[in-house]
Amino acid sequence: MTDQLTVSVLGTGIMGAAMARNLARAGHTVRVWNRSPDKAEPLAADGAHVAGSAEEAVRGADVVLTMLYDGPAALDVMRRAAPGLRPGTAWVQSTTAGVDAVADLAAFADEHGLVFFDAPVLGTRQPAEAGQLLVLAAGPADARDAVTPVFDAVGSRTVWTGQDGAAGSATRLKLVANSWVLAATNATGEVLALAKALGVDPDGFFDAIAGGPLDMGYLRAKAAMIRDGALSPAQFAVTTAEKDARLIVEAGEANGVRLDLAAAGAGRLARAAAQGHGDEDMAAAYFASFEEKASDGAHPGYRVTGRSGTPT
């Protein structure tokens, strides 16, 4: 197969749109479709063909890439696309779907003769736009050449976890990784909330941990977003993070593991969404520590002063 492919991207939200742009920049023929056409239409300026239906988007494609909200959404869209699918097409399923949903998606692929790859990605808006995602993938070794150009266009590295996409080994690894990401995000918000409550300048906390084993670039990056009120556009939205947190909790329960922090984190994200922060970056889980959203959307108790906030 030539390295220049026809790739259909179904789902053009934060991640899907960035992946489609990088596929087009790599010289592939890209077709895109989204339930809300306004999210797909801007990709025409990047050389993508905006299809009027999922069926149109996948017709004649070498690779179909799905990046949708969850497993049921991915299955629904692929059912819409089914009349345009041809046997032998590679399906790169990059939605964080959950373990049980992956089995349902793989069954659909088998029913339609598709070559199924379980391939969620690690990364948010910035690495997605830069083509620097980490691709976690499982799928048959003898068919990987068909999707390698796609993974190379959207990611900096591919980690293969197995040969059977239906087993969900890549999704399992993604849930483990996301459990750490979400725990760190929620902990960052609580640190800033407690500092506010106790009248502690957060810079004192950051100075105390600087350069030691407790310091972390991710902590500083998310804290800066909160303190600067820089939560939009989202790197990874609160509502999507809440969905992933629920999938993590469910996966733990299904395998006899109680994940108290993940469950509490899902609750914090749900509260932040209910307060009106659903479309903001997941760092906005910070607001779940307070009863009300600040009128200006900024960090309650801090005024925005460039890289950091100053207690009021």
Protein backbone atom coordinates (compact mmCIF):
# COMPACT_ATOMS: atom_id res chain seq x y z
CA MET A 1 0.00 0.00 0.00
CA THR A 2 1.28 3.47 -0.83
CA ASP A 3 2.14 5.76 2.07
CA GLN A 4 -0.37 8.30 0.70
CA LEU A 5 -3.76 7.17 1.88
CA THR A 6 -7.39 8.17 1.78
CA VAL A 7 -8.30 8.63 5.43
CA SER A 8 -11.79 9.32 6.76
CA VAL A 9 -11.94 11.11 10.11
CA LEU A 10 -15.28 10.76 11.87
CA GLY A 11 -15.52 13.22 14.76
CA THR A 12 -13.81 16.59 14.49
CA GLY A 13 -13.80 17.94 18.01
CA ILE A 14 -10.62 19.17 19.71
CA MET A 15 -8.66 16.01 18.97
CA GLY A 16 -10.23 14.83 15.73
CA ALA A 17 -9.84 18.18 14.01
CA ALA A 18 -6.17 18.39 14.94
CA MET A 19 -5.56 14.85 13.74
CA ALA A 20 -7.32 15.56 10.44
CA ARG A 21 -5.17 18.66 9.86
CA ASN A 22 -1.97 16.73 10.46
CA LEU A 23 -3.08 13.94 8.15
CA ALA A 24 -3.72 16.51 5.41
CA ARG A 25 -0.35 18.16 6.03
CA ALA A 26 1.30 14.76 5.64
CA GLY A 27 -0.14 14.55 2.12
CA HIS A 28 -3.00 12.15 2.72
CA THR A 29 -6.41 12.60 1.15
CA VAL A 30 -8.62 13.44 4.11
CA ARG A 31 -12.39 13.29 4.38
CA VAL A 32 -14.07 14.54 7.52
CA TRP A 33 -17.52 14.33 9.03
CA ASN A 34 -19.03 15.52 12.28
CA ARG A 35 -22.52 15.42 13.73
CA SER A 36 -22.35 19.22 14.04
CA PRO A 37 -21.20 20.32 10.56
CA ASP A 38 -19.86 23.65 11.85
CA LYS A 39 -17.05 21.77 13.60
CA ALA A 40 -15.99 20.06 10.38
CA GLU A 41 -16.39 22.89 7.87
CA PRO A 42 -13.23 24.84 8.90
CA LEU A 43 -11.13 21.84 7.88
CA ALA A 44 -11.88 22.56 4.23
CA ALA A 45 -9.33 25.36 4.48
CA ASP A 46 -6.74 22.71 5.42
CA GLY A 47 -7.48 20.65 2.32
CA ALA A 48 -9.94 18.18 3.79
CA HIS A 49 -13.15 17.22 2.01
CA VAL A 50 -16.12 17.88 4.29
CA ALA A 51 -18.57 15.06 3.71
CA GLY A 52 -22.30 15.46 4.04
CA SER A 53 -22.74 12.10 5.76
CA ALA A 54 -20.69 9.46 7.54
CA GLU A 55 -21.45 7.09 4.68
CA GLU A 56 -20.04 9.52 2.13
CA ALA A 57 -16.96 10.12 4.26
CA VAL A 58 -15.93 6.46 4.44
CA ARG A 59 -16.71 5.42 0.88
CA GLY A 60 -13.52 4.18 -0.78
CA ALA A 61 -11.34 5.03 2.23
CA ASP A 62 -8.18 3.08 3.04
CA VAL A 63 -8.43 3.96 6.74
CA VAL A 64 -11.36 5.12 8.86
CA LEU A 65 -10.39 6.96 12.05
CA THR A 66 -13.03 7.57 14.72
CA MET A 67 -12.51 10.17 17.45
CA LEU A 68 -15.87 10.55 19.13
CA TYR A 69 -17.23 11.12 22.63
CA ASP A 70 -17.57 7.52 23.80
CA GLY A 71 -18.10 3.94 22.68
CA PRO A 72 -21.85 4.16 22.01
CA ALA A 73 -21.30 7.31 19.93
CA ALA A 74 -18.60 5.58 17.89
CA LEU A 75 -20.82 2.56 17.29
CA ASP A 76 -23.75 4.76 16.26
CA VAL A 77 -21.63 6.70 13.77
CA MET A 78 -20.15 3.54 12.27
CA ARG A 79 -23.63 2.14 11.82
CA ARG A 80 -24.50 5.29 9.89
CA ALA A 81 -21.37 4.82 7.81
CA ALA A 82 -21.94 1.09 7.21
CA PRO A 83 -23.36 1.33 3.65
CA GLY A 84 -20.15 3.05 2.54
CA LEU A 85 -17.71 0.66 4.21
CA ARG A 86 -15.83 -1.93 2.21
CA PRO A 87 -14.36 -5.17 3.59
CA GLY A 88 -10.65 -4.96 4.32
CA THR A 89 -10.71 -1.30 5.32
CA ALA A 90 -8.65 -0.52 8.41
CA TRP A 91 -10.61 1.01 11.26
CA VAL A 92 -8.51 3.01 13.72
CA GLN A 93 -10.74 3.45 16.76
CA SER A 94 -9.21 6.29 18.82
CA THR A 95 -12.18 7.16 21.01
CA THR A 96 -11.63 6.52 24.72
CA ALA A 97 -14.45 4.03 24.72
CA GLY A 98 -14.00 1.86 27.79
CA VAL A 99 -13.18 -1.84 27.94
CA ASP A 100 -16.70 -3.21 27.41
CA ALA A 101 -17.42 -0.85 24.52
CA VAL A 102 -14.26 -1.91 22.68
CA ALA A 103 -15.64 -5.44 22.45
CA ASP A 104 -18.84 -4.11 20.89
CA LEU A 105 -16.89 -2.04 18.38
CA ALA A 106 -14.67 -4.97 17.47
CA ALA A 107 -17.77 -7.11 16.91
CA PHE A 108 -19.09 -4.50 14.48
CA ALA A 109 -15.73 -4.51 12.67
CA ASP A 110 -15.82 -8.29 12.37
CA GLU A 111 -19.39 -8.21 11.07
CA HIS A 112 -18.38 -5.81 8.29
CA GLY A 113 -14.99 -7.33 7.48
CA LEU A 114 -12.98 -4.38 8.80
CA VAL A 115 -9.46 -4.67 10.17
CA PHE A 116 -9.86 -3.37 13.71
CA PHE A 117 -7.26 -1.34 15.58
CA ASP A 118 -7.88 -0.27 19.18
CA ALA A 119 -5.84 2.94 19.16
CA PRO A 120 -6.59 5.59 21.79
CA VAL A 121 -4.11 8.43 22.16
CA LEU A 122 -2.44 10.22 25.05
CA GLY A 123 -2.28 13.99 24.77
CA THR A 124 -4.43 17.08 24.69
CA ARG A 125 -5.05 19.96 22.28
CA GLN A 126 -1.48 21.26 22.07
CA PRO A 127 0.29 17.95 21.30
CA ALA A 128 -2.58 16.97 19.00
CA GLU A 129 -2.14 20.15 16.97
CA ALA A 130 1.61 19.57 16.84
CA GLY A 131 1.25 15.95 15.73
CA GLN A 132 2.96 14.84 18.94
CA LEU A 133 0.38 12.48 20.43
CA LEU A 134 1.37 9.16 21.94
CA VAL A 135 -0.57 6.45 20.11
CA LEU A 136 -1.45 3.35 22.11
CA ALA A 137 -2.38 0.66 19.62
CA ALA A 138 -3.41 -2.96 19.36
CA GLY A 139 -4.06 -4.74 16.09
CA PRO A 140 -2.80 -7.48 13.76
CA ALA A 141 0.91 -7.28 12.97
CA ASP A 142 0.40 -8.22 9.33
CA ALA A 143 -1.87 -5.19 8.78
CA ARG A 144 0.07 -2.52 10.66
CA ASP A 145 1.73 -1.13 7.54
CA ALA A 146 -1.72 0.07 6.48
CA VAL A 147 -2.07 2.34 9.50
CA THR A 148 1.53 3.27 10.31
CA PRO A 149 1.44 6.38 8.05
CA VAL A 150 -1.66 7.54 9.95
CA PHE A 151 -0.02 7.06 13.33
CA ASP A 152 3.15 8.78 12.09
CA ALA A 153 1.12 11.81 10.99
CA VAL A 154 -0.74 12.31 14.26
CA GLY A 155 1.78 11.12 16.82
CA SER A 156 5.42 11.22 17.85
CA ARG A 157 5.47 7.59 18.96
CA THR A 158 3.35 4.45 18.77
CA VAL A 159 3.29 1.89 21.57
CA TRP A 160 1.94 -1.47 20.43
CA THR A 161 0.17 -3.37 23.21
CA GLY A 162 -1.04 -6.47 21.41
CA GLN A 163 -2.23 -8.05 18.18
CA ASP A 164 -5.92 -8.32 18.98
CA GLY A 165 -7.73 -5.00 19.06
CA ALA A 166 -10.84 -6.71 20.42
CA ALA A 167 -8.99 -7.55 23.65
CA GLY A 168 -8.79 -3.83 24.42
CA SER A 169 -5.20 -3.87 25.68
CA ALA A 170 -4.56 -0.36 24.33
CA THR A 171 -7.75 0.98 25.93
CA ARG A 172 -6.80 -0.65 29.23
CA LEU A 173 -3.44 1.13 29.18
CA LYS A 174 -5.17 4.40 28.26
CA LEU A 175 -7.48 4.11 31.29
CA VAL A 176 -4.52 3.47 33.59
CA ALA A 177 -2.69 6.50 32.20
CA ASN A 178 -5.77 8.70 32.38
CA SER A 179 -6.35 7.72 36.01
CA TRP A 180 -3.01 9.33 36.84
CA VAL A 181 -3.65 12.40 34.69
CA LEU A 182 -7.06 13.04 36.25
CA ALA A 183 -5.80 12.46 39.78
CA ALA A 184 -3.00 14.98 39.22
CA THR A 185 -5.42 17.48 37.69
CA ASN A 186 -7.86 17.26 40.58
CA ALA A 187 -5.05 17.42 43.14
CA THR A 188 -3.77 20.61 41.51
CA GLY A 189 -7.17 22.25 41.88
CA GLU A 190 -7.46 21.21 45.51
CA VAL A 191 -3.99 22.53 46.36
CA LEU A 192 -4.93 25.96 45.03
CA ALA A 193 -8.33 25.87 46.72
CA LEU A 194 -6.79 24.98 50.10
CA ALA A 195 -4.13 27.65 49.69
CA LYS A 196 -6.87 30.21 49.11
CA ALA A 197 -8.85 29.01 52.12
CA LEU A 198 -5.82 29.18 54.41
CA GLY A 199 -4.54 32.49 53.06
CA VAL A 200 -1.36 30.90 51.67
CA ASP A 201 0.34 32.40 48.63
CA PRO A 202 0.59 29.47 46.15
CA ASP A 203 4.02 30.74 45.10
CA GLY A 204 5.23 29.76 48.56
CA PHE A 205 4.08 26.19 47.90
CA PHE A 206 5.79 26.09 44.52
CA ASP A 207 9.01 27.49 46.01
CA ALA A 208 8.90 24.82 48.72
CA ILE A 209 8.71 21.90 46.28
CA ALA A 210 10.91 23.40 43.55
CA GLY A 211 13.40 20.95 42.12
CA GLY A 212 12.41 18.12 44.46
CA PRO A 213 10.59 14.83 43.91
CA LEU A 214 7.22 16.48 44.59
CA ASP A 215 7.68 19.05 41.83
CA MET A 216 6.07 18.33 38.47
CA GLY A 217 5.76 20.27 35.23
CA TYR A 218 2.16 19.17 34.79
CA LEU A 219 1.23 20.56 38.22
CA ARG A 220 2.75 23.93 37.36
CA ALA A 221 1.13 24.04 33.91
CA LYS A 222 -2.38 23.29 35.17
CA ALA A 223 -1.99 25.62 38.15
CA ALA A 224 -0.94 28.44 35.83
CA MET A 225 -4.05 27.88 33.69
CA ILE A 226 -6.26 28.20 36.77
CA ARG A 227 -4.46 31.19 38.23
CA ASP A 228 -4.34 33.02 34.90
CA GLY A 229 -7.96 32.25 34.06
CA ALA A 230 -6.69 30.59 30.87
CA LEU A 231 -9.16 27.71 30.76
CA SER A 232 -10.54 28.37 27.28
CA PRO A 233 -10.06 27.06 24.72
CA ALA A 234 -9.82 23.77 26.57
CA GLN A 235 -6.84 21.50 26.15
CA PHE A 236 -9.16 18.71 27.33
CA ALA A 237 -12.69 19.60 28.38
CA VAL A 238 -14.28 19.00 31.78
CA THR A 239 -17.19 17.01 30.31
CA THR A 240 -14.87 14.63 28.45
CA ALA A 241 -12.65 14.23 31.49
CA GLU A 242 -15.72 13.36 33.58
CA LYS A 243 -16.68 10.68 31.06
CA ASP A 244 -13.18 9.20 31.20
CA ALA A 245 -13.23 9.27 35.00
CA ARG A 246 -16.47 7.31 35.01
CA LEU A 247 -15.00 4.74 32.62
CA ILE A 248 -12.02 4.33 34.95
CA VAL A 249 -14.24 3.79 37.98
CA GLU A 250 -16.40 1.29 36.07
CA ALA A 251 -13.34 -0.61 34.88
CA GLY A 252 -12.06 -0.86 38.42
CA GLU A 253 -15.40 -2.05 39.77
CA ALA A 254 -15.72 -4.66 37.03
CA ASN A 255 -12.36 -6.08 38.06
CA GLY A 256 -12.83 -5.99 41.83
CA VAL A 257 -10.84 -2.81 42.48
CA ARG A 258 -12.18 0.13 44.45
CA LEU A 259 -10.89 3.45 43.09
CA ASP A 260 -11.88 6.03 45.67
CA LEU A 261 -9.83 8.89 44.24
CA ALA A 262 -11.13 8.29 40.71
CA ALA A 263 -14.72 8.24 41.98
CA ALA A 264 -14.22 11.46 43.94
CA GLY A 265 -12.53 13.02 40.92
CA ALA A 266 -15.48 12.14 38.71
CA GLY A 267 -17.73 13.86 41.24
CA ARG A 268 -15.60 17.01 41.22
CA LEU A 269 -15.67 17.15 37.43
CA ALA A 270 -19.45 16.65 37.43
CA ARG A 271 -19.88 19.54 39.88
CA ALA A 272 -17.66 21.81 37.82
CA ALA A 273 -19.70 20.99 34.72
CA ALA A 274 -22.93 21.72 36.59
CA GLN A 275 -21.50 25.11 37.54
CA GLY A 276 -21.09 25.95 33.87
CA HIS A 277 -17.47 24.91 33.29
CA GLY A 278 -18.17 21.87 31.11
CA ASP A 279 -16.51 23.26 27.98
CA GLU A 280 -13.50 24.64 29.83
CA ASP A 281 -10.24 22.82 30.41
CA MET A 282 -10.40 19.97 32.91
CA ALA A 283 -8.32 22.08 35.29
CA ALA A 284 -11.61 23.92 35.90
CA ALA A 285 -12.45 21.06 38.29
CA TYR A 286 -10.85 23.56 40.69
CA PHE A 287 -14.19 25.38 40.86
CA ALA A 288 -15.85 22.31 42.39
CA SER A 289 -14.24 23.36 45.69
CA PHE A 290 -16.50 26.43 45.78
CA GLU A 291 -20.21 27.01 45.71
CA GLU A 292 -20.30 29.61 42.95
CA LYS A 293 -18.50 30.32 39.69
CA ALA A 294 -16.63 33.62 39.77
CA SER A 295 -18.42 36.27 37.74
CA ASP A 296 -15.39 36.79 35.48
CA GLY A 297 -14.62 33.08 35.16
CA ALA A 298 -11.23 33.56 36.83
CA HIS A 299 -9.75 31.87 39.87
CA PRO A 300 -11.90 32.87 42.88
CA GLY A 301 -9.83 34.84 45.34
CA TYR A 302 -7.09 35.68 42.85
CA ARG A 303 -6.71 38.50 40.45
CA VAL A 304 -5.04 37.72 37.16
CA THR A 305 -1.49 39.06 37.01
CA GLY A 306 0.28 37.35 34.13
CA ARG A 307 1.86 34.03 35.06
CA SER A 308 0.50 33.92 38.59
CA GLY A 309 -2.26 35.25 40.79
CA THR A 310 -2.03 37.31 43.93
CA PRO A 311 -4.27 36.57 46.91
CA THR A 312 -6.92 39.19 47.49
